[in-house]
């Protein structure tokens, strides 16, 4: 896949405890589970990013909290952000 832009997400769970279960790009289209995306990032097989409303790139990385499942989060300008949650739904 290479360098992949994520344009949509799928959420699961209750409103106050939603989590991203799938990411994708509805224009191409392709969709991957969060688990598969984490594996691809960690193995350096692929890179993923989102664009904000100004066209600025935010790379997607893996956060590994102790004792919890790894999850995806964007990283831009030296800080972790929540740009994934602002994307449309797949």
PDB file of N, CA and C in Angstrom:
ATOM      1  N   UNK A   1       0.829  -1.194   0.000  1.00  0.00           N
ATOM      2  CA  UNK A   1       0.000   0.000   0.000  1.00  0.00           C
ATOM      3  C   UNK A   1       0.870   1.253   0.000  1.00  0.00           C
ATOM      4  N   UNK A   2       1.921   1.298   0.821  1.00  0.00           N
ATOM      5  CA  UNK A   2       2.811   2.458   0.817  1.00  0.00           C
ATOM      6  C   UNK A   2       2.415   3.523   1.815  1.00  0.00           C
ATOM      7  N   UNK A   3       2.343   4.751   1.332  1.00  0.00           N
ATOM      8  CA  UNK A   3       1.977   5.913   2.147  1.00  0.00           C
ATOM      9  C   UNK A   3       0.490   6.177   1.918  1.00  0.00           C
ATOM     10  N   UNK A   4      -0.334   5.925   2.918  1.00  0.00           N
ATOM     11  CA  UNK A   4      -1.781   5.868   2.740  1.00  0.00           C
ATOM     12  C   UNK A   4      -2.513   6.955   3.517  1.00  0.00           C
ATOM     13  N   UNK A   5      -3.377   7.657   2.819  1.00  0.00           N
ATOM     14  CA  UNK A   5      -4.207   8.664   3.482  1.00  0.00           C
ATOM     15  C   UNK A   5      -5.467   8.012   4.027  1.00  0.00           C
ATOM     16  N   UNK A   6      -5.738   8.238   5.301  1.00  0.00           N
ATOM     17  CA  UNK A   6      -6.969   7.772   5.934  1.00  0.00           C
ATOM     18  C   UNK A   6      -7.993   8.900   5.827  1.00  0.00           C
ATOM     19  N   UNK A   7      -9.178   8.574   5.299  1.00  0.00           N
ATOM     20  CA  UNK A   7     -10.231   9.587   5.142  1.00  0.00           C
ATOM     21  C   UNK A   7     -11.484   9.268   5.935  1.00  0.00           C
ATOM     22  N   UNK A   8     -11.564   8.039   6.498  1.00  0.00           N
ATOM     23  CA  UNK A   8     -12.757   7.677   7.257  1.00  0.00           C
ATOM     24  C   UNK A   8     -12.408   6.651   8.326  1.00  0.00           C
ATOM     25  N   UNK A   9     -13.293   6.559   9.320  1.00  0.00           N
ATOM     26  CA  UNK A   9     -13.109   5.606  10.420  1.00  0.00           C
ATOM     27  C   UNK A   9     -14.435   4.916  10.716  1.00  0.00           C
ATOM     28  N   UNK A  10     -14.348   3.764  11.386  1.00  0.00           N
ATOM     29  CA  UNK A  10     -15.522   3.073  11.905  1.00  0.00           C
ATOM     30  C   UNK A  10     -15.355   3.005  13.413  1.00  0.00           C
ATOM     31  N   UNK A  11     -16.405   3.382  14.139  1.00  0.00           N
ATOM     32  CA  UNK A  11     -16.374   3.370  15.594  1.00  0.00           C
ATOM     33  C   UNK A  11     -17.238   2.246  16.134  1.00  0.00           C
ATOM     34  N   UNK A  12     -16.862   1.752  17.309  1.00  0.00           N
ATOM     35  CA  UNK A  12     -17.625   0.726  17.982  1.00  0.00           C
ATOM     36  C   UNK A  12     -17.728   1.099  19.448  1.00  0.00           C
ATOM     37  N   UNK A  13     -18.792   0.689  20.078  1.00  0.00           N
ATOM     38  CA  UNK A  13     -18.933   0.942  21.505  1.00  0.00           C
ATOM     39  C   UNK A  13     -19.961   2.000  21.811  1.00  0.00           C
ATOM     40  N   UNK A  14     -20.109   2.255  23.085  1.00  0.00           N
ATOM     41  CA  UNK A  14     -21.069   3.257  23.542  1.00  0.00           C
ATOM     42  C   UNK A  14     -20.547   4.651  23.266  1.00  0.00           C
ATOM     43  N   UNK A  15     -21.437   5.603  23.246  1.00  0.00           N
ATOM     44  CA  UNK A  15     -21.091   6.971  22.869  1.00  0.00           C
ATOM     45  C   UNK A  15     -19.920   7.532  23.677  1.00  0.00           C
ATOM     46  N   UNK A  16     -19.870   7.296  24.964  1.00  0.00           N
ATOM     47  CA  UNK A  16     -18.812   7.874  25.797  1.00  0.00           C
ATOM     48  C   UNK A  16     -17.552   7.014  25.840  1.00  0.00           C
ATOM     49  N   UNK A  17     -17.617   5.818  25.251  1.00  0.00           N
ATOM     50  CA  UNK A  17     -16.461   4.933  25.259  1.00  0.00           C
ATOM     51  C   UNK A  17     -16.202   4.359  23.873  1.00  0.00           C
ATOM     52  N   UNK A  18     -16.463   5.162  22.852  1.00  0.00           N
ATOM     53  CA  UNK A  18     -16.241   4.702  21.493  1.00  0.00           C
ATOM     54  C   UNK A  18     -14.761   4.474  21.246  1.00  0.00           C
ATOM     55  N   UNK A  19     -14.492   3.530  20.350  1.00  0.00           N
ATOM     56  CA  UNK A  19     -13.116   3.327  19.940  1.00  0.00           C
ATOM     57  C   UNK A  19     -13.102   3.054  18.442  1.00  0.00           C
ATOM     58  N   UNK A  20     -12.009   3.381  17.808  1.00  0.00           N
ATOM     59  CA  UNK A  20     -11.867   3.166  16.376  1.00  0.00           C
ATOM     60  C   UNK A  20     -11.569   1.699  16.136  1.00  0.00           C
ATOM     61  N   UNK A  21     -12.373   1.051  15.292  1.00  0.00           N
ATOM     62  CA  UNK A  21     -12.171  -0.360  14.988  1.00  0.00           C
ATOM     63  C   UNK A  21     -11.665  -0.578  13.572  1.00  0.00           C
ATOM     64  N   UNK A  22     -11.826   0.438  12.716  1.00  0.00           N
ATOM     65  CA  UNK A  22     -11.428   0.306  11.321  1.00  0.00           C
ATOM     66  C   UNK A  22     -11.095   1.694  10.776  1.00  0.00           C
ATOM     67  N   UNK A  23     -10.097   1.746   9.890  1.00  0.00           N
ATOM     68  CA  UNK A  23      -9.760   2.981   9.176  1.00  0.00           C
ATOM     69  C   UNK A  23      -9.781   2.668   7.687  1.00  0.00           C
ATOM     70  N   UNK A  24      -9.910   3.714   6.877  1.00  0.00           N
ATOM     71  CA  UNK A  24      -9.934   3.465   5.441  1.00  0.00           C
ATOM     72  C   UNK A  24      -9.899   4.739   4.632  1.00  0.00           C
ATOM     73  N   UNK A  25     -10.044   4.551   3.333  1.00  0.00           N
ATOM     74  CA  UNK A  25     -10.120   5.664   2.393  1.00  0.00           C
ATOM     75  C   UNK A  25     -11.256   5.327   1.432  1.00  0.00           C
ATOM     76  N   UNK A  26     -12.352   6.067   1.536  1.00  0.00           N
ATOM     77  CA  UNK A  26     -13.545   5.747   0.756  1.00  0.00           C
ATOM     78  C   UNK A  26     -13.413   6.141  -0.707  1.00  0.00           C
ATOM     79  N   UNK A  27     -12.403   6.916  -1.067  1.00  0.00           N
ATOM     80  CA  UNK A  27     -12.212   7.327  -2.461  1.00  0.00           C
ATOM     81  C   UNK A  27     -11.570   6.239  -3.299  1.00  0.00           C
ATOM     82  N   UNK A  28     -10.696   5.409  -2.688  1.00  0.00           N
ATOM     83  CA  UNK A  28      -9.885   4.468  -3.478  1.00  0.00           C
ATOM     84  C   UNK A  28     -10.613   3.155  -3.754  1.00  0.00           C
ATOM     85  N   UNK A  29     -11.354   2.468  -3.043  1.00  0.00           N
ATOM     86  CA  UNK A  29     -11.475   2.385  -1.591  1.00  0.00           C
ATOM     87  C   UNK A  29     -10.612   1.258  -1.005  1.00  0.00           C
ATOM     88  N   UNK A  30     -10.268   1.431   0.263  1.00  0.00           N
ATOM     89  CA  UNK A  30      -9.613   0.382   1.050  1.00  0.00           C
ATOM     90  C   UNK A  30     -10.004   0.585   2.506  1.00  0.00           C
ATOM     91  N   UNK A  31     -10.027  -0.505   3.268  1.00  0.00           N
ATOM     92  CA  UNK A  31     -10.389  -0.473   4.681  1.00  0.00           C
ATOM     93  C   UNK A  31      -9.550  -1.511   5.406  1.00  0.00           C
ATOM     94  N   UNK A  32      -9.049  -1.153   6.587  1.00  0.00           N
ATOM     95  CA  UNK A  32      -8.258  -2.066   7.412  1.00  0.00           C
ATOM     96  C   UNK A  32      -8.742  -1.991   8.850  1.00  0.00           C
ATOM     97  N   UNK A  33      -8.653  -3.104   9.553  1.00  0.00           N
ATOM     98  CA  UNK A  33      -8.952  -3.079  10.984  1.00  0.00           C
ATOM     99  C   UNK A  33      -7.853  -2.285  11.695  1.00  0.00           C
ATOM    100  N   UNK A  34      -8.170  -1.821  12.868  1.00  0.00           N
ATOM    101  CA  UNK A  34      -7.173  -1.115  13.668  1.00  0.00           C
ATOM    102  C   UNK A  34      -5.987  -2.032  13.970  1.00  0.00           C
ATOM    103  N   UNK A  35      -6.267  -3.298  14.254  1.00  0.00           N
ATOM    104  CA  UNK A  35      -5.204  -4.264  14.551  1.00  0.00           C
ATOM    105  C   UNK A  35      -4.247  -4.398  13.375  1.00  0.00           C
ATOM    106  N   UNK A  36      -4.794  -4.546  12.168  1.00  0.00           N
ATOM    107  CA  UNK A  36      -3.967  -4.679  10.967  1.00  0.00           C
ATOM    108  C   UNK A  36      -3.164  -3.398  10.721  1.00  0.00           C
ATOM    109  N   UNK A  37      -3.778  -2.252  10.940  1.00  0.00           N
ATOM    110  CA  UNK A  37      -3.085  -0.969  10.740  1.00  0.00           C
ATOM    111  C   UNK A  37      -1.928  -0.831  11.718  1.00  0.00           C
ATOM    112  N   UNK A  38      -2.145  -1.186  12.983  1.00  0.00           N
ATOM    113  CA  UNK A  38      -1.079  -1.153  13.989  1.00  0.00           C
ATOM    114  C   UNK A  38       0.074  -2.050  13.545  1.00  0.00           C
ATOM    115  N   UNK A  39      -0.238  -3.258  13.087  1.00  0.00           N
ATOM    116  CA  UNK A  39       0.806  -4.192  12.643  1.00  0.00           C
ATOM    117  C   UNK A  39       1.599  -3.624  11.471  1.00  0.00           C
ATOM    118  N   UNK A  40       0.921  -3.002  10.518  1.00  0.00           N
ATOM    119  CA  UNK A  40       1.600  -2.443   9.345  1.00  0.00           C
ATOM    120  C   UNK A  40       2.501  -1.269   9.730  1.00  0.00           C
ATOM    121  N   UNK A  41       2.056  -0.457  10.680  1.00  0.00           N
ATOM    122  CA  UNK A  41       2.895   0.666  11.138  1.00  0.00           C
ATOM    123  C   UNK A  41       4.117   0.136  11.882  1.00  0.00           C
ATOM    124  N   UNK A  42       3.893  -0.778  12.803  1.00  0.00           N
ATOM    125  CA  UNK A  42       4.998  -1.298  13.612  1.00  0.00           C
ATOM    126  C   UNK A  42       6.021  -2.076  12.785  1.00  0.00           C
ATOM    127  N   UNK A  43       5.586  -2.759  11.742  1.00  0.00           N
ATOM    128  CA  UNK A  43       6.517  -3.503  10.894  1.00  0.00           C
ATOM    129  C   UNK A  43       7.126  -2.624   9.807  1.00  0.00           C
ATOM    130  N   UNK A  44       6.698  -1.353   9.781  1.00  0.00           N
ATOM    131  CA  UNK A  44       7.171  -0.376   8.793  1.00  0.00           C
ATOM    132  C   UNK A  44       6.840  -0.805   7.357  1.00  0.00           C
ATOM    133  N   UNK A  45       5.775  -1.605   7.208  1.00  0.00           N
ATOM    134  CA  UNK A  45       5.290  -2.014   5.897  1.00  0.00           C
ATOM    135  C   UNK A  45       4.639  -0.836   5.178  1.00  0.00           C
ATOM    136  N   UNK A  46       3.839  -0.068   5.928  1.00  0.00           N
ATOM    137  CA  UNK A  46       3.107   1.074   5.383  1.00  0.00           C
ATOM    138  C   UNK A  46       3.149   2.234   6.363  1.00  0.00           C
ATOM    139  N   UNK A  47       2.885   3.420   5.848  1.00  0.00           N
ATOM    140  CA  UNK A  47       2.696   4.596   6.682  1.00  0.00           C
ATOM    141  C   UNK A  47       1.291   5.126   6.409  1.00  0.00           C
ATOM    142  N   UNK A  48       0.735   5.804   7.392  1.00  0.00           N
ATOM    143  CA  UNK A  48      -0.622   6.321   7.286  1.00  0.00           C
ATOM    144  C   UNK A  48      -0.636   7.767   7.752  1.00  0.00           C
ATOM    145  N   UNK A  49      -1.547   8.556   7.177  1.00  0.00           N
ATOM    146  CA  UNK A  49      -1.655   9.959   7.546  1.00  0.00           C
ATOM    147  C   UNK A  49      -3.082  10.447   7.308  1.00  0.00           C
ATOM    148  N   UNK A  50      -3.399  11.602   7.902  1.00  0.00           N
ATOM    149  CA  UNK A  50      -4.642  12.311   7.627  1.00  0.00           C
ATOM    150  C   UNK A  50      -4.275  13.736   7.238  1.00  0.00           C
ATOM    151  N   UNK A  51      -5.186  14.406   6.569  1.00  0.00           N
ATOM    152  CA  UNK A  51      -5.026  15.824   6.254  1.00  0.00           C
ATOM    153  C   UNK A  51      -6.075  16.605   7.030  1.00  0.00           C
ATOM    154  N   UNK A  52      -5.650  17.716   7.646  1.00  0.00           N
ATOM    155  CA  UNK A  52      -6.630  18.539   8.349  1.00  0.00           C
ATOM    156  C   UNK A  52      -7.354  19.438   7.342  1.00  0.00           C
ATOM    157  N   UNK A  53      -8.237  20.285   7.816  1.00  0.00           N
ATOM    158  CA  UNK A  53      -9.042  21.114   6.913  1.00  0.00           C
ATOM    159  C   UNK A  53      -8.205  22.116   6.120  1.00  0.00           C
ATOM    160  N   UNK A  54      -6.968  22.340   6.545  1.00  0.00           N
ATOM    161  CA  UNK A  54      -6.066  23.256   5.841  1.00  0.00           C
ATOM    162  C   UNK A  54      -5.101  22.514   4.914  1.00  0.00           C
ATOM    163  N   UNK A  55      -5.256  21.190   4.828  1.00  0.00           N
ATOM    164  CA  UNK A  55      -4.385  20.388   3.979  1.00  0.00           C
ATOM    165  C   UNK A  55      -3.060  20.018   4.615  1.00  0.00           C
ATOM    166  N   UNK A  56      -2.938  20.241   5.926  1.00  0.00           N
ATOM    167  CA  UNK A  56      -1.702  19.882   6.620  1.00  0.00           C
ATOM    168  C   UNK A  56      -1.729  18.418   7.014  1.00  0.00           C
ATOM    169  N   UNK A  57      -0.597  17.780   6.857  1.00  0.00           N
ATOM    170  CA  UNK A  57      -0.463  16.357   7.128  1.00  0.00           C
ATOM    171  C   UNK A  57      -0.233  16.093   8.612  1.00  0.00           C
ATOM    172  N   UNK A  58      -0.896  15.060   9.109  1.00  0.00           N
ATOM    173  CA  UNK A  58      -0.643  14.545  10.456  1.00  0.00           C
ATOM    174  C   UNK A  58      -0.428  13.043  10.312  1.00  0.00           C
ATOM    175  N   UNK A  59       0.741  12.566  10.691  1.00  0.00           N
ATOM    176  CA  UNK A  59       1.048  11.142  10.583  1.00  0.00           C
ATOM    177  C   UNK A  59       0.301  10.350  11.647  1.00  0.00           C
ATOM    178  N   UNK A  60      -0.023   9.117  11.317  1.00  0.00           N
ATOM    179  CA  UNK A  60      -0.702   8.227  12.256  1.00  0.00           C
ATOM    180  C   UNK A  60       0.343   7.327  12.893  1.00  0.00           C
ATOM    181  N   UNK A  61       0.308   7.254  14.223  1.00  0.00           N
ATOM    182  CA  UNK A  61       1.240   6.423  14.964  1.00  0.00           C
ATOM    183  C   UNK A  61       0.504   5.485  15.894  1.00  0.00           C
ATOM    184  N   UNK A  62       1.263   4.675  16.588  1.00  0.00           N
ATOM    185  CA  UNK A  62       0.707   3.697  17.519  1.00  0.00           C
ATOM    186  C   UNK A  62       1.037   4.126  18.940  1.00  0.00           C
ATOM    187  N   UNK A  63       0.030   4.149  19.793  1.00  0.00           N
ATOM    188  CA  UNK A  63       0.208   4.435  21.211  1.00  0.00           C
ATOM    189  C   UNK A  63       0.022   3.116  21.947  1.00  0.00           C
ATOM    190  N   UNK A  64       0.972   2.812  22.854  1.00  0.00           N
ATOM    191  CA  UNK A  64       0.934   1.547  23.592  1.00  0.00           C
ATOM    192  C   UNK A  64       0.864   1.806  25.093  1.00  0.00           C
ATOM    193  N   UNK A  65      -0.342   2.028  25.620  1.00  0.00           N
ATOM    194  CA  UNK A  65      -0.457   2.232  27.062  1.00  0.00           C
ATOM    195  C   UNK A  65      -0.217   0.922  27.819  1.00  0.00           C
ATOM    196  N   UNK A  66       0.414   1.010  28.950  1.00  0.00           N
ATOM    197  CA  UNK A  66       0.719  -0.183  29.743  1.00  0.00           C
ATOM    198  C   UNK A  66      -0.558  -0.927  30.106  1.00  0.00           C
ATOM    199  N   UNK A  67      -0.582  -2.227  29.812  1.00  0.00           N
ATOM    200  CA  UNK A  67      -1.711  -3.058  30.187  1.00  0.00           C
ATOM    201  C   UNK A  67      -2.958  -2.880  29.339  1.00  0.00           C
ATOM    202  N   UNK A  68      -2.862  -2.123  28.250  1.00  0.00           N
ATOM    203  CA  UNK A  68      -4.032  -1.894  27.393  1.00  0.00           C
ATOM    204  C   UNK A  68      -3.687  -2.203  25.945  1.00  0.00           C
ATOM    205  N   UNK A  69      -4.705  -2.332  25.124  1.00  0.00           N
ATOM    206  CA  UNK A  69      -4.525  -2.612  23.704  1.00  0.00           C
ATOM    207  C   UNK A  69      -3.939  -1.388  23.004  1.00  0.00           C
ATOM    208  N   UNK A  70      -2.938  -1.558  22.139  1.00  0.00           N
ATOM    209  CA  UNK A  70      -2.404  -0.434  21.369  1.00  0.00           C
ATOM    210  C   UNK A  70      -3.505   0.201  20.525  1.00  0.00           C
ATOM    211  N   UNK A  71      -3.400   1.504  20.311  1.00  0.00           N
ATOM    212  CA  UNK A  71      -4.383   2.189  19.490  1.00  0.00           C
ATOM    213  C   UNK A  71      -3.702   3.204  18.593  1.00  0.00           C
ATOM    214  N   UNK A  72      -4.463   3.718  17.625  1.00  0.00           N
ATOM    215  CA  UNK A  72      -3.949   4.674  16.649  1.00  0.00           C
ATOM    216  C   UNK A  72      -4.215   6.097  17.099  1.00  0.00           C
ATOM    217  N   UNK A  73      -3.253   6.968  16.788  1.00  0.00           N
ATOM    218  CA  UNK A  73      -3.413   8.384  17.105  1.00  0.00           C
ATOM    219  C   UNK A  73      -2.557   9.172  16.128  1.00  0.00           C
ATOM    220  N   UNK A  74      -2.979  10.384  15.818  1.00  0.00           N
ATOM    221  CA  UNK A  74      -2.196  11.210  14.900  1.00  0.00           C
ATOM    222  C   UNK A  74      -1.126  11.986  15.658  1.00  0.00           C
ATOM    223  N   UNK A  75      -0.077  12.312  14.923  1.00  0.00           N
ATOM    224  CA  UNK A  75       1.067  13.029  15.489  1.00  0.00           C
ATOM    225  C   UNK A  75       1.432  14.152  14.527  1.00  0.00           C
ATOM    226  N   UNK A  76       1.311  15.389  15.006  1.00  0.00           N
ATOM    227  CA  UNK A  76       1.623  16.545  14.162  1.00  0.00           C
ATOM    228  C   UNK A  76       2.274  17.634  15.005  1.00  0.00           C
ATOM    229  N   UNK A  77       3.243  18.292  14.429  1.00  0.00           N
ATOM    230  CA  UNK A  77       3.932  19.400  15.104  1.00  0.00           C
ATOM    231  C   UNK A  77       4.458  19.017  16.482  1.00  0.00           C
ATOM    232  N   UNK A  78       4.929  17.764  16.605  1.00  0.00           N
ATOM    233  CA  UNK A  78       5.547  17.325  17.850  1.00  0.00           C
ATOM    234  C   UNK A  78       4.588  16.946  18.959  1.00  0.00           C
ATOM    235  N   UNK A  79       3.274  16.878  18.676  1.00  0.00           N
ATOM    236  CA  UNK A  79       2.325  16.498  19.720  1.00  0.00           C
ATOM    237  C   UNK A  79       1.338  15.458  19.185  1.00  0.00           C
ATOM    238  N   UNK A  80       0.856  14.597  20.090  1.00  0.00           N
ATOM    239  CA  UNK A  80      -0.184  13.638  19.740  1.00  0.00           C
ATOM    240  C   UNK A  80      -1.511  14.374  19.691  1.00  0.00           C
ATOM    241  N   UNK A  81      -2.304  14.113  18.653  1.00  0.00           N
ATOM    242  CA  UNK A  81      -3.592  14.790  18.478  1.00  0.00           C
ATOM    243  C   UNK A  81      -4.696  13.762  18.213  1.00  0.00           C
ATOM    244  N   UNK A  82      -5.931  14.243  18.126  1.00  0.00           N
ATOM    245  CA  UNK A  82      -7.079  13.371  17.895  1.00  0.00           C
ATOM    246  C   UNK A  82      -7.705  13.608  16.518  1.00  0.00           C
ATOM    247  N   UNK A  83      -6.913  13.871  15.507  1.00  0.00           N
ATOM    248  CA  UNK A  83      -7.442  14.160  14.167  1.00  0.00           C
ATOM    249  C   UNK A  83      -8.264  13.004  13.603  1.00  0.00           C
ATOM    250  N   UNK A  84      -7.982  11.780  13.966  1.00  0.00           N
ATOM    251  CA  UNK A  84      -8.738  10.642  13.442  1.00  0.00           C
ATOM    252  C   UNK A  84     -10.217  10.744  13.808  1.00  0.00           C
ATOM    253  N   UNK A  85     -10.506  11.217  15.016  1.00  0.00           N
ATOM    254  CA  UNK A  85     -11.885  11.281  15.466  1.00  0.00           C
ATOM    255  C   UNK A  85     -12.709  12.324  14.716  1.00  0.00           C
ATOM    256  N   UNK A  86     -12.054  13.252  14.030  1.00  0.00           N
ATOM    257  CA  UNK A  86     -12.784  14.270  13.283  1.00  0.00           C
ATOM    258  C   UNK A  86     -13.128  13.819  11.860  1.00  0.00           C
ATOM    259  N   UNK A  87     -12.654  12.636  11.463  1.00  0.00           N
ATOM    260  CA  UNK A  87     -12.930  12.133  10.123  1.00  0.00           C
ATOM    261  C   UNK A  87     -14.352  11.610  10.009  1.00  0.00           C
ATOM    262  N   UNK A  88     -14.843  11.528   8.787  1.00  0.00           N
ATOM    263  CA  UNK A  88     -16.152  10.959   8.537  1.00  0.00           C
ATOM    264  C   UNK A  88     -16.162   9.467   8.790  1.00  0.00           C
ATOM    265  N   UNK A  89     -17.339   8.904   8.803  1.00  0.00           N
ATOM    266  CA  UNK A  89     -17.489   7.473   9.069  1.00  0.00           C
ATOM    267  C   UNK A  89     -17.433   6.679   7.765  1.00  0.00           C
ATOM    268  N   UNK A  90     -16.794   5.510   7.818  1.00  0.00           N
ATOM    269  CA  UNK A  90     -16.697   4.620   6.644  1.00  0.00           C
ATOM    270  C   UNK A  90     -18.034   3.933   6.416  1.00  0.00           C
TER     271      UNK A  90
END
